[in-house]
Amino acid sequence: MVQDKTAAPVSGRSAAGDPVTGPAPGSPKGPPIGPEDGPPGAGAPLPGSRLALPARVAGAAAGGLLLFLAFPPLGLWFLAPLGMASAVLAVRGTRPRRGTWLGLLVGLALLLPGLRWVSPIGTDAWLGLVAMESAFYAAWGTGVALVTRLRLWPLWGAALWVAVEWARGVFPFGGFPWARVAFSQGESLFTPYAALGGAPLVSFAVALCGGLLALAVSRLLAPALPSSGSRRGRALALPLAGALAVPAAALAVPRYGDEGRNVTVGVIQGNVPGRGMHPLGDEPAVVLGNHTRMLHQMARDVREGRTPRPDLVVLPENSTDIDPLRNAFARSEIDAAVKDVGVPVLVGAVVGIGENNRATRSIVWDPVTGPGAHYDKQKLVPFGEFTPLQGLVQALFERASLVGKQSVAGTRDGDLRLGPVTVGAINCYEVAFDGVVGDTARTGATPLVVQTNNATYALTNLPPQQLAMSQLRAVEHNRAVITSAITGISAYVTPSGSIAWRTGELVPAMNVLTVPVRTARTIATRVGALPEWALILVGAGAVAAAWRRRTPRAEHPVNREDDQQVGDA
């Protein structure tokens, strides 16, 4: 008698008491479908080979690097979805613990080169900032390792990316929202989404596109089932079509037309004598003289017909290195230059408040009445304009004393009447913060004016990154944006996000520009942070749902290897 060796399925319970169904001992072992993977045939198990972990590490590093390349000055914006796809593929299918450090690797690969501009302050400051900010991407990796086991996971993963960017913009010390994916899309196929939901929606769209590409790749790599060619084709076609549809749908976002009104704006970039940590130089009044001299030059050019007469003039942040409200010489120099040009001038100055504090201030200087209304910078640079944990930090780092007097944050929006228009004053670092720019735009101010001092970071990747933020803000709020930078890049960005004029760096420059005055509000301006909060809640809900579902799965013996099982959408 020949014994029948055909294995029959057996059923039982795991040590945790969970039902387990599988082949009998000794039968061929195929990769099972876990409870989060959906119905049989929907899963996309990746091979658990020795190359799995090195491939994940390479994918995480490549994802971060591709995201970096999407940012200015290279500006290869189309690489951002590919970077997102690589990062998601690296994390998907792992346990949360492994997802955490793979997410950390994504952050390091993005931020080490992306924040290289911090290094003039010190290598330790650069590396310390990168390490702190990369921790947020580690949290993203943890979440993605969970939510990619759910159906429709590209949506949940993209929402988590928005949540992480929000957290970076809030914690710690007021947040640091640099290198948000949206800021790599200053002028791209994804940019129109800014008019619907601001920077968060742009980041979401890029991340969703990348997630759909990742889904397509994971299905392509999955072993095919017998006689499933047509189904396999459909499975690939759907996510690829979705990845193409996301940027294509941006073409349907409402566009705003010209309203038939213009204002003529003079922009001055005076340059500074110093570099690095001492950009204003050691000799007082040089920076003040650079800018007042160019104001006089603009006045002469107008009188001699070489340039049109401006309605207003914008000077950069720190356009005077002496407090003009406390120093009679500085006041008289600025007053004489403003009288010469004959129109209101927005002067950037650091002014004293009491004995121990200061404010970074935009001052409306009238040719008749002198200094008047002003705006004080609300979002201050940690360790640059104020020192968190002051006693400890100053004891550990001698450079911390260079901050000097501690800055005091302003409490009002930047709408300032300047000649025939009310401009929206934004100071340098603030252009990265959705709330400051949005609140200013909601006052009705137009155009937006960004005064900036990037002298310490001249010729790094900071000035072009910051200009890309102005491009996104222009589309987000349907406003022209004028940037006046002390060493460059000064620029004029149209309401459509195009750069119509820009300067070089470390050179004196000036121009008189005709700028459209737009008053129509975009949907993004009206709704403010609502889309961002909705996406954050979606991401948090997906993590909660995935966490509840992972407990039985964690006890299943199949899941002892992180790379053994991958769910599908």
Protein backbone atom coordinates (compact mmCIF):
# COMPACT_ATOMS: atom_id res chain seq x y z
CA MET A 1 0.00 0.00 0.00
CA VAL A 2 1.35 3.39 -1.00
CA GLN A 3 0.77 6.18 1.46
CA ASP A 4 -0.85 9.32 0.03
CA LYS A 5 1.61 12.13 0.66
CA THR A 6 -0.63 14.89 -0.63
CA ALA A 7 -0.73 17.55 2.11
CA ALA A 8 -4.09 18.72 3.27
CA PRO A 9 -4.70 22.08 4.91
CA VAL A 10 -4.90 22.02 8.66
CA SER A 11 -6.44 24.52 10.98
CA GLY A 12 -5.65 25.46 14.53
CA ARG A 13 -4.75 28.34 16.75
CA SER A 14 -1.52 30.21 17.34
CA ALA A 15 0.03 30.59 20.74
CA ALA A 16 -1.85 33.85 21.04
CA GLY A 17 -5.13 32.11 20.36
CA ASP A 18 -5.56 33.49 16.85
CA PRO A 19 -6.94 31.27 14.11
CA VAL A 20 -4.22 29.93 11.82
CA THR A 21 -4.86 28.18 8.54
CA GLY A 22 -2.01 26.87 6.42
CA PRO A 23 -0.44 23.86 4.77
CA ALA A 24 0.31 20.79 6.75
CA PRO A 25 3.86 20.22 7.99
CA GLY A 26 6.13 19.15 5.16
CA SER A 27 4.02 20.70 2.45
CA PRO A 28 5.41 23.37 0.08
CA LYS A 29 5.57 26.75 1.79
CA GLY A 30 4.41 29.76 -0.19
CA PRO A 31 4.26 33.32 1.17
CA PRO A 32 0.89 33.61 2.89
CA ILE A 33 -1.43 36.54 2.77
CA GLY A 34 -1.68 38.31 6.09
CA PRO A 35 -4.88 39.85 7.48
CA GLU A 36 -3.82 43.36 6.48
CA ASP A 37 -2.92 42.35 2.95
CA GLY A 38 -6.43 42.03 1.59
CA PRO A 39 -7.84 39.08 -0.28
CA PRO A 40 -5.66 36.40 -1.87
CA GLY A 41 -4.05 37.69 -5.00
CA ALA A 42 -4.11 41.30 -3.83
CA GLY A 43 -0.91 40.98 -1.80
CA ALA A 44 2.51 41.81 -3.21
CA PRO A 45 5.04 39.87 -1.13
CA LEU A 46 8.62 40.88 -1.75
CA PRO A 47 11.34 38.27 -1.64
CA GLY A 48 12.98 37.98 1.77
CA SER A 49 16.44 37.53 0.32
CA ARG A 50 19.74 38.66 1.75
CA LEU A 51 19.61 41.64 -0.58
CA ALA A 52 16.35 42.89 0.92
CA LEU A 53 17.88 44.98 3.70
CA PRO A 54 20.69 46.52 1.58
CA ALA A 55 18.08 47.34 -1.05
CA ARG A 56 15.93 49.09 1.53
CA VAL A 57 18.88 51.08 2.83
CA ALA A 58 19.82 52.12 -0.71
CA GLY A 59 16.21 53.01 -1.46
CA ALA A 60 15.88 55.19 1.63
CA ALA A 61 19.11 57.04 0.87
CA ALA A 62 18.17 57.44 -2.80
CA GLY A 63 14.74 58.74 -1.82
CA GLY A 64 16.18 61.48 0.36
CA LEU A 65 18.80 62.40 -2.23
CA LEU A 66 16.24 62.63 -5.04
CA LEU A 67 14.10 64.89 -2.87
CA PHE A 68 17.13 67.12 -2.26
CA LEU A 69 17.82 67.38 -6.00
CA ALA A 70 14.27 68.65 -6.51
CA PHE A 71 15.06 71.79 -4.51
CA PRO A 72 16.84 74.89 -5.81
CA PRO A 73 19.45 75.69 -6.90
CA LEU A 74 19.21 72.57 -9.06
CA GLY A 75 15.42 72.71 -9.01
CA LEU A 76 14.77 69.30 -10.63
CA TRP A 77 11.23 69.38 -9.27
CA PHE A 78 10.11 66.28 -11.21
CA LEU A 79 12.45 64.15 -9.08
CA ALA A 80 10.39 64.81 -5.95
CA PRO A 81 7.69 62.18 -6.70
CA LEU A 82 10.42 59.69 -7.59
CA GLY A 83 12.15 60.43 -4.30
CA MET A 84 8.91 59.91 -2.43
CA ALA A 85 8.35 56.60 -4.23
CA SER A 86 11.83 55.36 -3.38
CA ALA A 87 11.44 56.36 0.26
CA VAL A 88 8.05 54.65 0.59
CA LEU A 89 9.27 51.45 -1.08
CA ALA A 90 12.19 51.35 1.33
CA VAL A 91 9.90 51.45 4.36
CA ARG A 92 6.85 49.56 3.14
CA GLY A 93 6.52 46.03 4.46
CA THR A 94 8.89 46.47 7.41
CA ARG A 95 8.07 46.46 11.07
CA PRO A 96 7.68 49.91 12.66
CA ARG A 97 11.06 49.64 14.40
CA ARG A 98 12.89 49.11 11.13
CA GLY A 99 10.70 51.72 9.44
CA THR A 100 11.85 54.22 12.06
CA TRP A 101 15.52 54.06 11.21
CA LEU A 102 14.87 53.80 7.49
CA GLY A 103 12.81 56.99 7.77
CA LEU A 104 15.70 58.55 9.67
CA LEU A 105 17.97 57.67 6.75
CA VAL A 106 15.56 59.38 4.34
CA GLY A 107 15.73 62.53 6.46
CA LEU A 108 19.52 62.48 6.68
CA ALA A 109 19.91 62.02 2.92
CA LEU A 110 17.56 64.95 2.29
CA LEU A 111 18.74 67.36 4.96
CA LEU A 112 22.51 66.86 5.09
CA PRO A 113 22.89 68.49 1.66
CA GLY A 114 19.62 70.44 1.85
CA LEU A 115 20.63 72.35 5.00
CA ARG A 116 24.30 72.68 4.05
CA TRP A 117 23.74 76.44 4.11
CA VAL A 118 23.78 76.34 7.94
CA SER A 119 27.48 75.37 7.96
CA PRO A 120 28.83 78.98 7.94
CA ILE A 121 27.57 79.16 11.53
CA GLY A 122 29.53 76.00 12.34
CA THR A 123 29.67 72.37 11.34
CA ASP A 124 28.29 71.40 14.72
CA ALA A 125 25.27 73.67 14.22
CA TRP A 126 24.64 72.18 10.78
CA LEU A 127 24.92 68.56 11.90
CA GLY A 128 22.95 69.17 15.08
CA LEU A 129 20.08 70.76 13.17
CA VAL A 130 20.07 67.93 10.62
CA ALA A 131 19.99 65.31 13.37
CA MET A 132 17.11 67.02 15.17
CA GLU A 133 15.03 67.52 12.03
CA SER A 134 15.71 64.02 10.73
CA ALA A 135 14.00 62.63 13.83
CA PHE A 136 10.69 63.79 12.34
CA TYR A 137 11.30 61.64 9.27
CA ALA A 138 12.03 58.73 11.57
CA ALA A 139 8.52 59.19 12.96
CA TRP A 140 7.22 59.25 9.39
CA GLY A 141 8.96 55.92 8.73
CA THR A 142 7.29 54.41 11.79
CA GLY A 143 3.88 55.53 10.59
CA VAL A 144 4.38 54.43 7.00
CA ALA A 145 5.48 50.97 8.12
CA LEU A 146 2.04 50.71 9.74
CA VAL A 147 -0.30 52.40 7.26
CA THR A 148 1.09 50.74 4.15
CA ARG A 149 -0.53 47.51 5.39
CA LEU A 150 -3.94 49.12 4.89
CA ARG A 151 -5.91 49.44 1.69
CA LEU A 152 -5.51 52.77 -0.14
CA TRP A 153 -2.18 53.21 1.62
CA PRO A 154 -0.76 55.82 -0.83
CA LEU A 155 -3.38 58.22 0.54
CA TRP A 156 -2.51 57.54 4.17
CA GLY A 157 1.23 57.74 3.57
CA ALA A 158 0.88 61.11 1.81
CA ALA A 159 -1.26 62.46 4.67
CA LEU A 160 1.41 61.35 7.14
CA TRP A 161 4.04 63.30 5.19
CA VAL A 162 1.93 66.45 5.60
CA ALA A 163 1.60 65.74 9.33
CA VAL A 164 5.37 65.42 9.70
CA GLU A 165 5.97 68.69 7.83
CA TRP A 166 3.44 70.40 10.10
CA ALA A 167 5.21 69.08 13.20
CA ARG A 168 8.58 70.31 11.90
CA GLY A 169 7.05 73.76 11.46
CA VAL A 170 5.91 73.91 15.09
CA PHE A 171 8.46 72.06 17.25
CA PRO A 172 10.86 72.83 18.82
CA PHE A 173 11.47 76.53 19.53
CA GLY A 174 8.72 77.67 17.16
CA GLY A 175 9.55 75.20 14.40
CA PHE A 176 11.77 75.02 11.34
CA PRO A 177 9.71 74.46 8.17
CA TRP A 178 12.65 74.53 5.74
CA ALA A 179 12.91 71.79 3.08
CA ARG A 180 9.18 71.07 2.91
CA VAL A 181 8.48 69.21 -0.32
CA ALA A 182 6.13 72.00 -1.43
CA PHE A 183 9.09 74.40 -1.50
CA SER A 184 10.72 72.29 -4.20
CA GLN A 185 7.72 73.06 -6.42
CA GLY A 186 8.08 76.81 -6.89
CA GLU A 187 7.13 76.53 -10.55
CA SER A 188 6.03 73.02 -11.51
CA LEU A 189 3.02 70.97 -12.54
CA PHE A 190 2.06 70.66 -8.85
CA THR A 191 2.28 74.39 -8.04
CA PRO A 192 -1.39 75.27 -8.86
CA TYR A 193 -2.53 73.16 -5.91
CA ALA A 194 -1.16 75.95 -3.70
CA ALA A 195 -4.16 78.10 -4.65
CA LEU A 196 -6.50 75.41 -3.28
CA GLY A 197 -4.82 74.25 -0.08
CA GLY A 198 -1.54 76.09 0.25
CA ALA A 199 1.84 74.47 0.74
CA PRO A 200 0.36 71.45 2.62
CA LEU A 201 -1.77 70.43 -0.37
CA VAL A 202 1.22 70.74 -2.72
CA SER A 203 3.27 68.47 -0.46
CA PHE A 204 0.35 66.04 -0.27
CA ALA A 205 -0.03 65.93 -4.07
CA VAL A 206 3.68 65.20 -4.58
CA ALA A 207 3.66 62.55 -1.85
CA LEU A 208 0.50 60.94 -3.24
CA CYS A 209 2.00 60.81 -6.73
CA GLY A 210 5.10 59.16 -5.27
CA GLY A 211 3.00 56.70 -3.28
CA LEU A 212 1.10 55.66 -6.40
CA LEU A 213 4.37 55.12 -8.23
CA ALA A 214 5.57 53.00 -5.31
CA LEU A 215 2.38 50.94 -5.49
CA ALA A 216 2.94 50.32 -9.20
CA VAL A 217 6.53 49.21 -8.59
CA SER A 218 5.56 46.88 -5.76
CA ARG A 219 2.94 45.23 -7.96
CA LEU A 220 5.44 44.93 -10.79
CA LEU A 221 7.88 43.12 -8.48
CA ALA A 222 5.23 40.82 -7.02
CA PRO A 223 5.27 37.20 -8.30
CA ALA A 224 2.51 36.69 -10.85
CA LEU A 225 -0.30 34.23 -10.19
CA PRO A 226 -1.09 31.64 -12.89
CA SER A 227 -3.33 32.94 -15.67
CA SER A 228 -3.40 36.41 -14.17
CA GLY A 229 -1.79 38.41 -16.97
CA SER A 230 -4.77 40.68 -17.64
CA ARG A 231 -5.36 41.20 -13.96
CA ARG A 232 -1.70 42.02 -13.47
CA GLY A 233 -1.90 44.57 -16.27
CA ARG A 234 -4.91 46.26 -14.69
CA ALA A 235 -3.18 46.22 -11.33
CA LEU A 236 -0.25 48.15 -12.82
CA ALA A 237 -2.35 50.47 -14.97
CA LEU A 238 -4.48 51.84 -12.14
CA PRO A 239 -1.70 53.28 -9.92
CA LEU A 240 0.24 54.54 -12.94
CA ALA A 241 -2.85 56.32 -14.22
CA GLY A 242 -3.37 57.80 -10.78
CA ALA A 243 0.24 59.00 -10.62
CA LEU A 244 -0.27 60.82 -13.93
CA ALA A 245 -3.69 62.14 -12.95
CA VAL A 246 -2.46 63.90 -9.79
CA PRO A 247 -0.31 66.53 -11.55
CA ALA A 248 -2.68 66.66 -14.53
CA ALA A 249 -5.61 67.56 -12.29
CA ALA A 250 -3.74 70.68 -11.19
CA LEU A 251 -4.55 72.16 -14.60
CA ALA A 252 -8.18 72.40 -13.49
CA VAL A 253 -7.39 74.63 -10.50
CA PRO A 254 -9.02 78.07 -11.00
CA ARG A 255 -6.67 80.76 -12.27
CA TYR A 256 -7.02 84.44 -11.51
CA GLY A 257 -6.79 87.12 -14.16
CA ASP A 258 -5.36 90.61 -14.21
CA GLU A 259 -7.50 93.28 -12.52
CA GLY A 260 -6.20 96.21 -14.53
CA ARG A 261 -4.32 97.98 -11.74
CA ASN A 262 -0.57 98.31 -11.27
CA VAL A 263 1.89 99.89 -8.86
CA THR A 264 5.47 100.90 -9.59
CA VAL A 265 7.93 99.57 -7.01
CA GLY A 266 11.57 100.45 -6.58
CA VAL A 267 13.79 97.68 -5.18
CA ILE A 268 17.26 98.22 -3.76
CA GLN A 269 19.93 95.67 -2.87
CA GLY A 270 22.78 97.55 -1.24
CA ASN A 271 25.19 94.70 -0.40
CA VAL A 272 27.37 94.43 2.73
CA PRO A 273 31.12 94.53 3.37
CA GLY A 274 31.45 91.36 5.48
CA ARG A 275 30.90 87.65 5.05
CA GLY A 276 29.92 84.68 7.19
CA MET A 277 29.21 85.37 10.84
CA HIS A 278 30.13 89.07 10.51
CA PRO A 279 28.34 90.17 7.33
CA LEU A 280 27.77 93.79 8.34
CA GLY A 281 31.49 94.37 8.83
CA ASP A 282 33.32 96.02 11.71
CA GLU A 283 33.02 99.62 10.56
CA PRO A 284 29.66 101.21 11.47
CA ALA A 285 27.36 102.91 8.97
CA VAL A 286 28.79 101.14 5.89
CA VAL A 287 25.59 99.19 5.26
CA LEU A 288 23.51 102.29 5.96
CA GLY A 289 25.63 104.22 3.47
CA ASN A 290 25.31 101.52 0.80
CA HIS A 291 21.53 101.79 0.83
CA THR A 292 21.11 105.54 1.20
CA ARG A 293 23.63 106.07 -1.61
CA MET A 294 21.57 103.86 -3.91
CA LEU A 295 18.40 105.71 -2.93
CA HIS A 296 20.07 108.95 -4.04
CA GLN A 297 21.18 107.22 -7.25
CA MET A 298 17.61 106.10 -7.95
CA ALA A 299 16.42 109.67 -7.39
CA ARG A 300 18.99 110.98 -9.90
CA ASP A 301 18.02 108.34 -12.45
CA VAL A 302 14.37 109.38 -12.14
CA ARG A 303 15.19 113.08 -12.55
CA GLU A 304 17.34 112.39 -15.60
CA GLY A 305 14.73 110.13 -17.21
CA ARG A 306 16.75 106.90 -17.05
CA THR A 307 14.15 105.12 -14.94
CA PRO A 308 10.44 105.60 -14.24
CA ARG A 309 9.37 107.26 -11.03
CA PRO A 310 8.41 104.65 -8.42
CA ASP A 311 5.29 104.88 -6.27
CA LEU A 312 7.21 103.33 -3.38
CA VAL A 313 10.64 101.85 -2.65
CA VAL A 314 11.55 98.72 -0.68
CA LEU A 315 14.86 98.30 1.16
CA PRO A 316 15.94 94.93 2.59
CA GLU A 317 15.98 93.68 6.16
CA ASN A 318 18.93 95.26 8.04
CA SER A 319 19.30 97.95 5.37
CA THR A 320 20.74 100.11 8.15
CA ASP A 321 23.26 98.75 10.62
CA ILE A 322 22.46 101.58 13.07
CA ASP A 323 19.15 102.04 14.87
CA PRO A 324 17.62 105.08 13.12
CA LEU A 325 15.10 105.64 15.91
CA ARG A 326 17.84 106.15 18.52
CA ASN A 327 20.72 107.49 16.46
CA ALA A 328 20.41 111.01 15.05
CA PHE A 329 23.01 110.46 12.32
CA ALA A 330 21.27 107.35 10.94
CA ARG A 331 17.90 109.10 11.06
CA SER A 332 19.16 112.13 9.16
CA GLU A 333 20.87 109.99 6.48
CA ILE A 334 17.75 107.96 5.80
CA ASP A 335 15.51 111.02 5.95
CA ALA A 336 17.62 112.88 3.39
CA ALA A 337 17.65 109.94 0.98
CA VAL A 338 13.88 109.39 1.29
CA LYS A 339 13.21 113.08 0.68
CA ASP A 340 15.44 112.92 -2.38
CA VAL A 341 13.54 110.02 -3.96
CA GLY A 342 10.29 111.70 -2.95
CA VAL A 343 8.13 108.59 -2.23
CA PRO A 344 7.50 106.41 0.82
CA VAL A 345 10.26 103.88 1.52
CA LEU A 346 10.01 100.64 3.50
CA VAL A 347 13.16 100.58 5.64
CA GLY A 348 14.42 97.39 7.33
CA ALA A 349 16.11 98.03 10.66
CA VAL A 350 16.88 96.41 14.00
CA VAL A 351 15.61 98.80 16.68
CA GLY A 352 16.04 98.81 20.42
CA ILE A 353 13.15 98.07 22.79
CA GLY A 354 13.94 99.12 26.33
CA GLU A 355 17.42 98.37 27.61
CA ASN A 356 17.77 94.66 26.89
CA ASN A 357 15.61 93.84 23.89
CA ARG A 358 15.26 94.62 20.22
CA ALA A 359 12.91 94.06 17.27
CA THR A 360 13.47 93.35 13.58
CA ARG A 361 11.29 96.05 12.11
CA SER A 362 9.88 97.22 8.78
CA ILE A 363 9.38 101.00 9.00
CA VAL A 364 7.29 103.11 6.66
CA TRP A 365 9.44 106.21 6.08
CA ASP A 366 7.51 109.09 4.53
CA PRO A 367 9.39 111.89 2.70
CA VAL A 368 7.35 114.49 4.61
CA THR A 369 6.55 113.05 8.03
CA GLY A 370 9.49 110.67 8.47
CA PRO A 371 9.20 107.28 10.23
CA GLY A 372 5.65 106.16 10.91
CA ALA A 373 3.77 102.85 10.90
CA HIS A 374 5.82 99.71 11.33
CA TYR A 375 5.72 95.91 11.39
CA ASP A 376 7.77 93.82 13.81
CA LYS A 377 8.88 90.36 12.74
CA GLN A 378 6.71 87.69 14.36
CA LYS A 379 8.66 84.49 13.64
CA LEU A 380 12.13 84.88 15.06
CA VAL A 381 15.17 82.76 14.17
CA PRO A 382 16.19 80.52 17.10
CA PHE A 383 19.84 81.11 18.07
CA GLY A 384 19.95 83.98 15.57
CA GLU A 385 17.49 86.52 16.96
CA PHE A 386 16.79 84.90 20.30
CA THR A 387 18.46 82.18 22.34
CA PRO A 388 16.32 79.30 23.63
CA LEU A 389 17.54 77.89 26.96
CA GLN A 390 19.72 80.97 27.09
CA GLY A 391 21.78 80.25 30.20
CA LEU A 392 22.68 76.70 29.20
CA VAL A 393 23.35 77.45 25.53
CA GLN A 394 25.56 80.46 26.25
CA ALA A 395 27.52 78.45 28.79
CA LEU A 396 28.18 75.69 26.23
CA PHE A 397 28.70 77.73 23.06
CA GLU A 398 30.62 81.00 22.93
CA ARG A 399 29.04 81.84 19.55
CA ALA A 400 25.64 82.14 21.25
CA SER A 401 26.72 85.49 22.65
CA LEU A 402 26.78 86.89 19.09
CA VAL A 403 22.98 87.08 19.24
CA GLY A 404 23.37 90.05 21.58
CA LYS A 405 20.14 91.58 22.77
CA GLN A 406 17.19 89.22 22.60
CA SER A 407 14.59 90.00 19.96
CA VAL A 408 10.93 90.45 20.84
CA ALA A 409 8.34 89.00 18.45
CA GLY A 410 5.71 91.26 16.90
CA THR A 411 2.03 90.72 17.56
CA ARG A 412 0.28 92.18 14.49
CA ASP A 413 0.03 91.37 10.80
CA GLY A 414 2.23 93.08 8.23
CA ASP A 415 -0.32 95.20 6.37
CA LEU A 416 1.29 98.63 5.94
CA ARG A 417 0.04 101.55 3.91
CA LEU A 418 2.84 102.56 1.56
CA GLY A 419 1.96 105.21 -0.99
CA PRO A 420 -1.01 104.15 -3.15
CA VAL A 421 -1.22 100.56 -1.83
CA THR A 422 -1.23 98.57 1.38
CA VAL A 423 1.67 96.13 1.13
CA GLY A 424 2.01 92.89 3.07
CA ALA A 425 5.35 93.05 4.91
CA ILE A 426 7.02 89.71 5.59
CA ASN A 427 10.46 89.46 7.14
CA CYS A 428 12.93 86.91 5.76
CA TYR A 429 12.52 83.66 7.79
CA GLU A 430 8.77 84.24 8.00
CA VAL A 431 8.13 83.41 4.35
CA ALA A 432 8.47 79.73 5.27
CA PHE A 433 5.56 79.90 7.74
CA ASP A 434 2.07 79.43 6.30
CA GLY A 435 0.31 81.24 9.13
CA VAL A 436 2.30 84.49 8.94
CA VAL A 437 1.99 84.81 5.16
CA GLY A 438 -1.64 83.71 5.11
CA ASP A 439 -2.72 86.07 7.89
CA THR A 440 -1.01 88.95 6.10
CA ALA A 441 -2.69 88.07 2.79
CA ARG A 442 -6.08 87.88 4.52
CA THR A 443 -5.78 91.53 5.53
CA GLY A 444 -6.13 92.33 1.80
CA ALA A 445 -2.55 93.59 1.52
CA THR A 446 -1.14 93.57 -2.01
CA PRO A 447 1.55 93.09 -3.20
CA LEU A 448 3.48 90.99 -0.67
CA VAL A 449 6.94 92.33 0.18
CA VAL A 450 9.66 90.05 1.59
CA GLN A 451 12.58 91.92 3.16
CA THR A 452 15.47 89.59 3.83
CA ASN A 453 19.04 89.44 5.06
CA ASN A 454 20.79 86.29 3.83
CA ALA A 455 24.28 87.77 3.96
CA THR A 456 25.66 85.09 6.30
CA TYR A 457 24.54 82.42 3.83
CA ALA A 458 25.49 84.13 0.56
CA LEU A 459 26.36 81.75 -2.29
CA THR A 460 24.86 78.76 -0.45
CA ASN A 461 21.64 77.00 -1.34
CA LEU A 462 19.61 79.17 1.06
CA PRO A 463 18.86 82.21 -1.17
CA PRO A 464 17.46 80.14 -4.08
CA GLN A 465 15.48 77.96 -1.67
CA GLN A 466 13.94 81.05 -0.11
CA LEU A 467 13.09 82.50 -3.51
CA ALA A 468 11.20 79.29 -4.35
CA MET A 469 9.10 79.88 -1.22
CA SER A 470 8.14 83.31 -2.57
CA GLN A 471 7.12 81.66 -5.85
CA LEU A 472 4.79 79.28 -4.03
CA ARG A 473 3.35 82.10 -1.88
CA ALA A 474 2.55 84.14 -4.99
CA VAL A 475 0.38 81.34 -6.39
CA GLU A 476 -1.05 80.44 -2.98
CA HIS A 477 -2.46 83.94 -2.42
CA ASN A 478 -2.76 85.40 -5.96
CA ARG A 479 -0.31 88.16 -5.12
CA ALA A 480 2.80 89.56 -6.73
CA VAL A 481 5.78 89.09 -4.40
CA ILE A 482 8.65 91.54 -4.21
CA THR A 483 11.81 90.28 -2.51
CA SER A 484 14.43 92.79 -1.41
CA ALA A 485 17.54 90.98 -0.15
CA ILE A 486 20.55 92.74 1.30
CA THR A 487 23.05 90.64 -0.71
CA GLY A 488 20.62 88.81 -3.05
CA ILE A 489 18.60 87.22 -4.36
CA SER A 490 16.24 90.18 -4.83
CA ALA A 491 13.40 89.38 -7.21
CA TYR A 492 9.93 90.07 -8.56
CA VAL A 493 7.62 87.04 -8.69
CA THR A 494 4.40 87.33 -10.67
CA PRO A 495 1.11 86.06 -9.20
CA SER A 496 1.47 82.97 -11.39
CA GLY A 497 4.76 82.09 -9.67
CA SER A 498 7.13 83.06 -12.50
CA ILE A 499 10.30 84.99 -11.73
CA ALA A 500 10.09 88.13 -13.87
CA TRP A 501 13.30 89.73 -12.54
CA ARG A 502 16.08 88.70 -10.19
CA THR A 503 19.53 89.88 -9.14
CA GLY A 504 22.80 88.10 -8.63
CA GLU A 505 24.39 87.74 -5.21
CA LEU A 506 26.99 89.90 -3.45
CA VAL A 507 26.46 92.79 -5.84
CA PRO A 508 24.67 96.14 -5.44
CA ALA A 509 21.57 96.25 -7.62
CA MET A 510 18.34 98.18 -8.07
CA ASN A 511 15.35 98.33 -10.37
CA VAL A 512 11.95 99.96 -10.76
CA LEU A 513 9.23 97.42 -11.54
CA THR A 514 5.63 97.63 -12.67
CA VAL A 515 3.73 95.16 -10.52
CA PRO A 516 0.08 94.06 -10.79
CA VAL A 517 -2.19 94.78 -7.85
CA ARG A 518 -4.38 91.73 -7.26
CA THR A 519 -7.19 91.70 -4.69
CA ALA A 520 -9.07 88.45 -5.45
CA ARG A 521 -8.61 85.84 -2.73
CA THR A 522 -7.75 82.26 -3.56
CA ILE A 523 -9.50 79.33 -1.93
CA ALA A 524 -6.28 78.70 0.01
CA THR A 525 -6.34 82.24 1.40
CA ARG A 526 -9.94 81.83 2.50
CA VAL A 527 -9.70 78.42 4.16
CA GLY A 528 -6.29 78.86 5.77
CA ALA A 529 -5.06 75.79 7.64
CA LEU A 530 -8.23 73.68 7.26
CA PRO A 531 -6.86 71.41 4.48
CA GLU A 532 -3.70 70.81 6.49
CA TRP A 533 -5.62 69.86 9.63
CA ALA A 534 -7.89 67.57 7.62
CA LEU A 535 -4.87 65.73 6.21
CA ILE A 536 -3.24 65.50 9.63
CA LEU A 537 -6.39 63.92 11.07
CA VAL A 538 -6.57 61.48 8.14
CA GLY A 539 -2.97 60.43 8.70
CA ALA A 540 -3.44 60.06 12.45
CA GLY A 541 -6.62 58.02 11.93
CA ALA A 542 -4.81 55.68 9.52
CA VAL A 543 -2.01 55.10 12.05
CA ALA A 544 -4.57 54.34 14.75
CA ALA A 545 -6.41 51.89 12.50
CA ALA A 546 -3.20 50.16 11.44
CA TRP A 547 -2.00 49.90 15.04
CA ARG A 548 -5.23 48.22 16.11
CA ARG A 549 -4.90 45.70 13.28
CA ARG A 550 -1.22 44.87 13.79
CA THR A 551 -1.48 43.14 17.20
CA PRO A 552 -2.80 39.75 15.98
CA ARG A 553 -0.45 39.91 13.00
CA ALA A 554 2.57 40.54 15.22
CA GLU A 555 1.95 37.18 16.93
CA HIS A 556 1.79 35.26 13.65
CA PRO A 557 5.01 33.26 13.15
CA VAL A 558 5.18 34.33 9.49
CA ASN A 559 6.04 37.85 10.53
CA ARG A 560 9.31 37.14 12.25
CA GLU A 561 11.12 38.49 9.21
CA ASP A 562 10.46 42.13 8.45
CA ASP A 563 10.89 41.72 4.73
CA GLN A 564 8.74 38.63 4.32
CA GLN A 565 5.30 40.15 3.90
CA VAL A 566 3.91 43.20 2.15
CA GLY A 567 0.27 44.23 1.88
CA ASP A 568 -1.30 45.85 -1.14
CA ALA A 569 -3.97 48.36 -1.88
